[in-house]
């Protein structure tokens, strides 16, 4: 589990195809200080496993499923990526609950300066809209952010200078894909309500109305 607080802006060092998926070597000296083989690391919001490591790099396998569903299929050698280690039970919870399981890809639409910070607009698939609320949390490429404004198929986030500097948001261009993970609490609430909603559905049918003389 992660919190969406980015620890390091890493760099893709090598990228190779492997059995319908890919293998990636990431240069990330900061987060590897206490990493072990088998540990999880969030890469642009995608939970990957450390397969091999050196003092400054780690290797991870990317499955075909992950390539299909996330923006990792677009990374190249030299790409800058957001990195976060899993949270520790004793650490402060700085963001929100992030699983590293991407729900959908969004689209970077625009960024405009506002004061010392930026207002970033992200497009999202309409089916994701029911999980997104104004002032709620959302993860964009692994970054825990707050929804500042919301439209039918877009939301805006207010980005402070620090976040703009230490994440890949400043390098995104219009049309770039980004990984979105909605707040897991919203999905659990929806699931828990489904049986209740099914029970409250009306049993009234056209046949029943005909029997009643309508």
Protein backbone atom coordinates (compact mmCIF):
# COMPACT_ATOMS: atom_id res chain seq x y z
CA UNK A 1 0.00 0.00 0.00
CA UNK A 2 1.15 3.53 -0.82
CA UNK A 3 0.15 7.08 0.10
CA UNK A 4 0.74 8.95 -3.15
CA UNK A 5 3.60 11.05 -1.78
CA UNK A 6 6.32 10.84 -4.43
CA UNK A 7 9.79 10.17 -3.03
CA UNK A 8 11.92 10.35 -6.14
CA UNK A 9 11.78 11.23 -9.82
CA UNK A 10 13.50 8.26 -11.42
CA UNK A 11 14.72 7.67 -14.98
CA UNK A 12 14.14 4.74 -17.31
CA UNK A 13 17.60 3.37 -18.04
CA UNK A 14 16.75 0.37 -20.24
CA UNK A 15 13.53 -1.07 -21.64
CA UNK A 16 13.30 -4.48 -23.32
CA UNK A 17 10.49 -6.74 -24.52
CA UNK A 18 9.98 -9.98 -22.63
CA UNK A 19 7.24 -12.62 -23.26
CA UNK A 20 4.52 -10.19 -24.37
CA UNK A 21 5.44 -7.87 -21.50
CA UNK A 22 8.54 -5.83 -20.81
CA UNK A 23 11.52 -5.55 -18.45
CA UNK A 24 12.59 -2.16 -17.25
CA UNK A 25 15.66 -0.92 -15.42
CA UNK A 26 15.06 2.24 -13.41
CA UNK A 27 17.73 4.58 -12.08
CA UNK A 28 16.56 5.52 -8.59
CA UNK A 29 19.34 5.81 -5.99
CA UNK A 30 17.22 7.42 -3.27
CA UNK A 31 14.45 4.87 -2.83
CA UNK A 32 16.84 1.91 -3.13
CA UNK A 33 18.60 2.69 0.14
CA UNK A 34 16.53 0.08 1.98
CA UNK A 35 14.89 -1.84 -0.88
CA UNK A 36 15.11 -5.62 -1.14
CA UNK A 37 14.41 -8.15 -3.87
CA UNK A 38 10.66 -8.79 -3.89
CA UNK A 39 9.74 -5.36 -2.55
CA UNK A 40 7.02 -3.31 -4.24
CA UNK A 41 7.64 0.10 -5.76
CA UNK A 42 4.98 2.34 -7.29
CA UNK A 43 6.11 3.48 -10.76
CA UNK A 44 3.85 6.24 -12.08
CA UNK A 45 1.22 4.80 -9.78
CA UNK A 46 1.68 1.19 -10.92
CA UNK A 47 2.78 -1.33 -8.30
CA UNK A 48 5.83 -3.21 -9.63
CA UNK A 49 8.13 -5.75 -7.96
CA UNK A 50 11.89 -5.36 -7.58
CA UNK A 51 13.41 -8.38 -9.37
CA UNK A 52 17.06 -7.30 -9.32
CA UNK A 53 18.84 -4.30 -7.86
CA UNK A 54 22.14 -2.48 -7.63
CA UNK A 55 23.03 0.49 -5.46
CA UNK A 56 21.40 2.88 -7.96
CA UNK A 57 19.05 0.84 -10.16
CA UNK A 58 16.32 -1.77 -9.95
CA UNK A 59 14.85 -4.12 -12.52
CA UNK A 60 11.13 -4.88 -12.73
CA UNK A 61 8.96 -6.98 -15.01
CA UNK A 62 5.87 -5.40 -16.57
CA UNK A 63 3.11 -7.85 -17.52
CA UNK A 64 1.16 -7.69 -20.77
CA UNK A 65 -1.95 -6.85 -18.73
CA UNK A 66 -0.21 -3.86 -17.14
CA UNK A 67 1.00 -2.63 -20.53
CA UNK A 68 -2.54 -2.85 -21.91
CA UNK A 69 -4.16 -0.98 -19.04
CA UNK A 70 -1.62 1.69 -18.08
CA UNK A 71 0.52 4.43 -19.58
CA UNK A 72 3.67 2.38 -18.93
CA UNK A 73 3.32 1.15 -22.52
CA UNK A 74 4.38 4.66 -23.58
CA UNK A 75 7.54 5.02 -21.49
CA UNK A 76 10.88 5.18 -23.26
CA UNK A 77 14.54 5.17 -22.29
CA UNK A 78 15.10 8.50 -20.58
CA UNK A 79 11.48 8.94 -19.43
CA UNK A 80 11.12 10.51 -16.00
CA UNK A 81 8.84 8.56 -13.67
CA UNK A 82 7.30 9.07 -10.24
CA UNK A 83 8.51 6.60 -7.60
CA UNK A 84 7.26 5.69 -4.13
CA UNK A 85 8.09 2.91 -1.70
CA UNK A 86 5.27 1.18 0.22
CA UNK A 87 4.23 2.95 3.38
CA UNK A 88 5.52 1.75 6.74
CA UNK A 89 3.09 1.24 9.67
CA UNK A 90 5.07 3.72 11.73
CA UNK A 91 5.16 6.44 9.06
CA UNK A 92 2.89 9.48 8.83
CA UNK A 93 0.02 9.06 6.39
CA UNK A 94 0.72 12.06 4.19
CA UNK A 95 -1.60 11.34 1.25
CA UNK A 96 -4.46 8.83 0.98
CA UNK A 97 -4.81 5.06 0.56
CA UNK A 98 -3.20 4.15 -2.78
CA UNK A 99 -3.01 0.53 -3.91
CA UNK A 100 -0.95 0.94 -7.06
CA UNK A 101 -3.80 -0.68 -9.04
CA UNK A 102 -4.63 1.61 -11.94
CA UNK A 103 -8.35 2.00 -12.68
CA UNK A 104 -8.05 3.74 -16.04
CA UNK A 105 -5.89 5.97 -18.16
CA UNK A 106 -6.68 9.67 -18.26
CA UNK A 107 -5.45 12.41 -20.56
CA UNK A 108 -3.34 15.42 -19.68
CA UNK A 109 -5.36 18.32 -21.11
CA UNK A 110 -3.70 21.51 -19.88
CA UNK A 111 -1.67 23.28 -17.22
CA UNK A 112 -1.86 26.98 -16.45
CA UNK A 113 0.13 28.99 -13.96
CA UNK A 114 -1.80 30.38 -11.00
CA UNK A 115 0.23 32.34 -8.48
CA UNK A 116 3.30 30.28 -7.66
CA UNK A 117 1.54 27.03 -8.54
CA UNK A 118 -0.32 25.43 -11.42
CA UNK A 119 -3.85 24.35 -12.25
CA UNK A 120 -3.77 21.07 -14.16
CA UNK A 121 -6.77 19.66 -16.05
CA UNK A 122 -7.05 15.91 -16.60
CA UNK A 123 -9.60 14.13 -18.79
CA UNK A 124 -11.06 10.83 -17.62
CA UNK A 125 -13.31 8.05 -19.01
CA UNK A 126 -16.94 8.87 -18.14
CA UNK A 127 -17.45 5.54 -16.34
CA UNK A 128 -14.93 6.69 -13.73
CA UNK A 129 -16.90 9.85 -12.94
CA UNK A 130 -19.07 8.30 -10.22
CA UNK A 131 -15.97 7.78 -8.07
CA UNK A 132 -14.62 11.33 -8.40
CA UNK A 133 -15.87 14.13 -6.17
CA UNK A 134 -14.82 17.73 -5.69
CA UNK A 135 -12.37 18.04 -2.76
CA UNK A 136 -11.93 14.26 -2.83
CA UNK A 137 -8.66 12.41 -3.40
CA UNK A 138 -7.42 10.96 -6.68
CA UNK A 139 -4.10 9.53 -7.81
CA UNK A 140 -2.52 10.80 -11.04
CA UNK A 141 0.61 8.90 -12.11
CA UNK A 142 1.02 7.84 -8.49
CA UNK A 143 0.61 11.35 -7.01
CA UNK A 144 -2.00 11.86 -4.31
CA UNK A 145 -3.94 14.96 -5.34
CA UNK A 146 -7.16 16.77 -4.41
CA UNK A 147 -9.90 17.44 -6.95
CA UNK A 148 -10.32 21.22 -7.10
CA UNK A 149 -12.94 21.37 -9.87
CA UNK A 150 -14.96 18.74 -11.68
CA UNK A 151 -16.68 18.47 -15.06
CA UNK A 152 -18.50 15.66 -16.86
CA UNK A 153 -15.27 14.14 -18.18
CA UNK A 154 -12.48 16.21 -16.64
CA UNK A 155 -11.20 17.33 -13.27
CA UNK A 156 -8.72 19.98 -12.18
CA UNK A 157 -6.05 19.80 -9.51
CA UNK A 158 -4.12 22.63 -7.86
CA UNK A 159 -0.43 21.76 -7.90
CA UNK A 160 1.96 23.47 -5.49
CA UNK A 161 5.49 24.41 -6.68
CA UNK A 162 7.12 21.56 -4.73
CA UNK A 163 4.94 18.89 -6.38
CA UNK A 164 5.47 20.49 -9.79
CA UNK A 165 9.22 20.33 -9.25
CA UNK A 166 9.62 16.80 -7.85
CA UNK A 167 7.16 14.89 -10.07
CA UNK A 168 6.69 14.31 -13.79
CA UNK A 169 3.69 16.69 -14.05
CA UNK A 170 5.92 19.48 -15.36
CA UNK A 171 7.11 17.32 -18.26
CA UNK A 172 3.68 16.19 -19.48
CA UNK A 173 2.32 17.48 -22.78
CA UNK A 174 -1.24 17.91 -24.01
CA UNK A 175 -2.62 14.51 -24.99
CA UNK A 176 -0.22 12.48 -22.85
CA UNK A 177 -1.76 9.49 -21.06
CA UNK A 178 -1.67 9.39 -17.26
CA UNK A 179 -2.55 6.61 -14.82
CA UNK A 180 -5.60 7.22 -12.64
CA UNK A 181 -6.53 5.44 -9.44
CA UNK A 182 -9.70 6.57 -7.71
CA UNK A 183 -10.21 6.50 -3.95
CA UNK A 184 -10.64 2.84 -2.94
CA UNK A 185 -13.17 3.85 -0.28
CA UNK A 186 -15.61 4.98 -3.00
CA UNK A 187 -15.42 1.58 -4.69
CA UNK A 188 -16.00 -0.32 -1.45
CA UNK A 189 -19.01 1.85 -0.59
CA UNK A 190 -20.48 1.19 -4.03
CA UNK A 191 -19.98 -2.56 -3.62
CA UNK A 192 -21.57 -2.63 -0.16
CA UNK A 193 -24.63 -0.72 -1.41
CA UNK A 194 -25.28 -3.00 -4.40
CA UNK A 195 -27.27 -5.70 -2.49
CA UNK A 196 -29.43 -2.99 -0.86
CA UNK A 197 -30.05 -1.32 -4.22
CA UNK A 198 -31.05 -4.65 -5.76
CA UNK A 199 -33.59 -5.27 -2.98
CA UNK A 200 -35.18 -1.85 -3.36
CA UNK A 201 -35.72 -2.19 -7.10
CA UNK A 202 -39.37 -2.30 -8.07
CA UNK A 203 -40.90 -5.65 -9.11
CA UNK A 204 -43.44 -3.81 -11.24
CA UNK A 205 -43.50 -5.08 -14.85
CA UNK A 206 -45.66 -4.46 -17.92
CA UNK A 207 -47.30 -7.83 -17.36
CA UNK A 208 -48.11 -6.96 -13.75
CA UNK A 209 -49.66 -3.65 -14.83
CA UNK A 210 -51.82 -5.50 -17.37
CA UNK A 211 -53.04 -7.88 -14.65
CA UNK A 212 -53.99 -4.86 -12.56
CA UNK A 213 -56.09 -3.47 -15.42
CA UNK A 214 -53.79 -0.69 -16.64
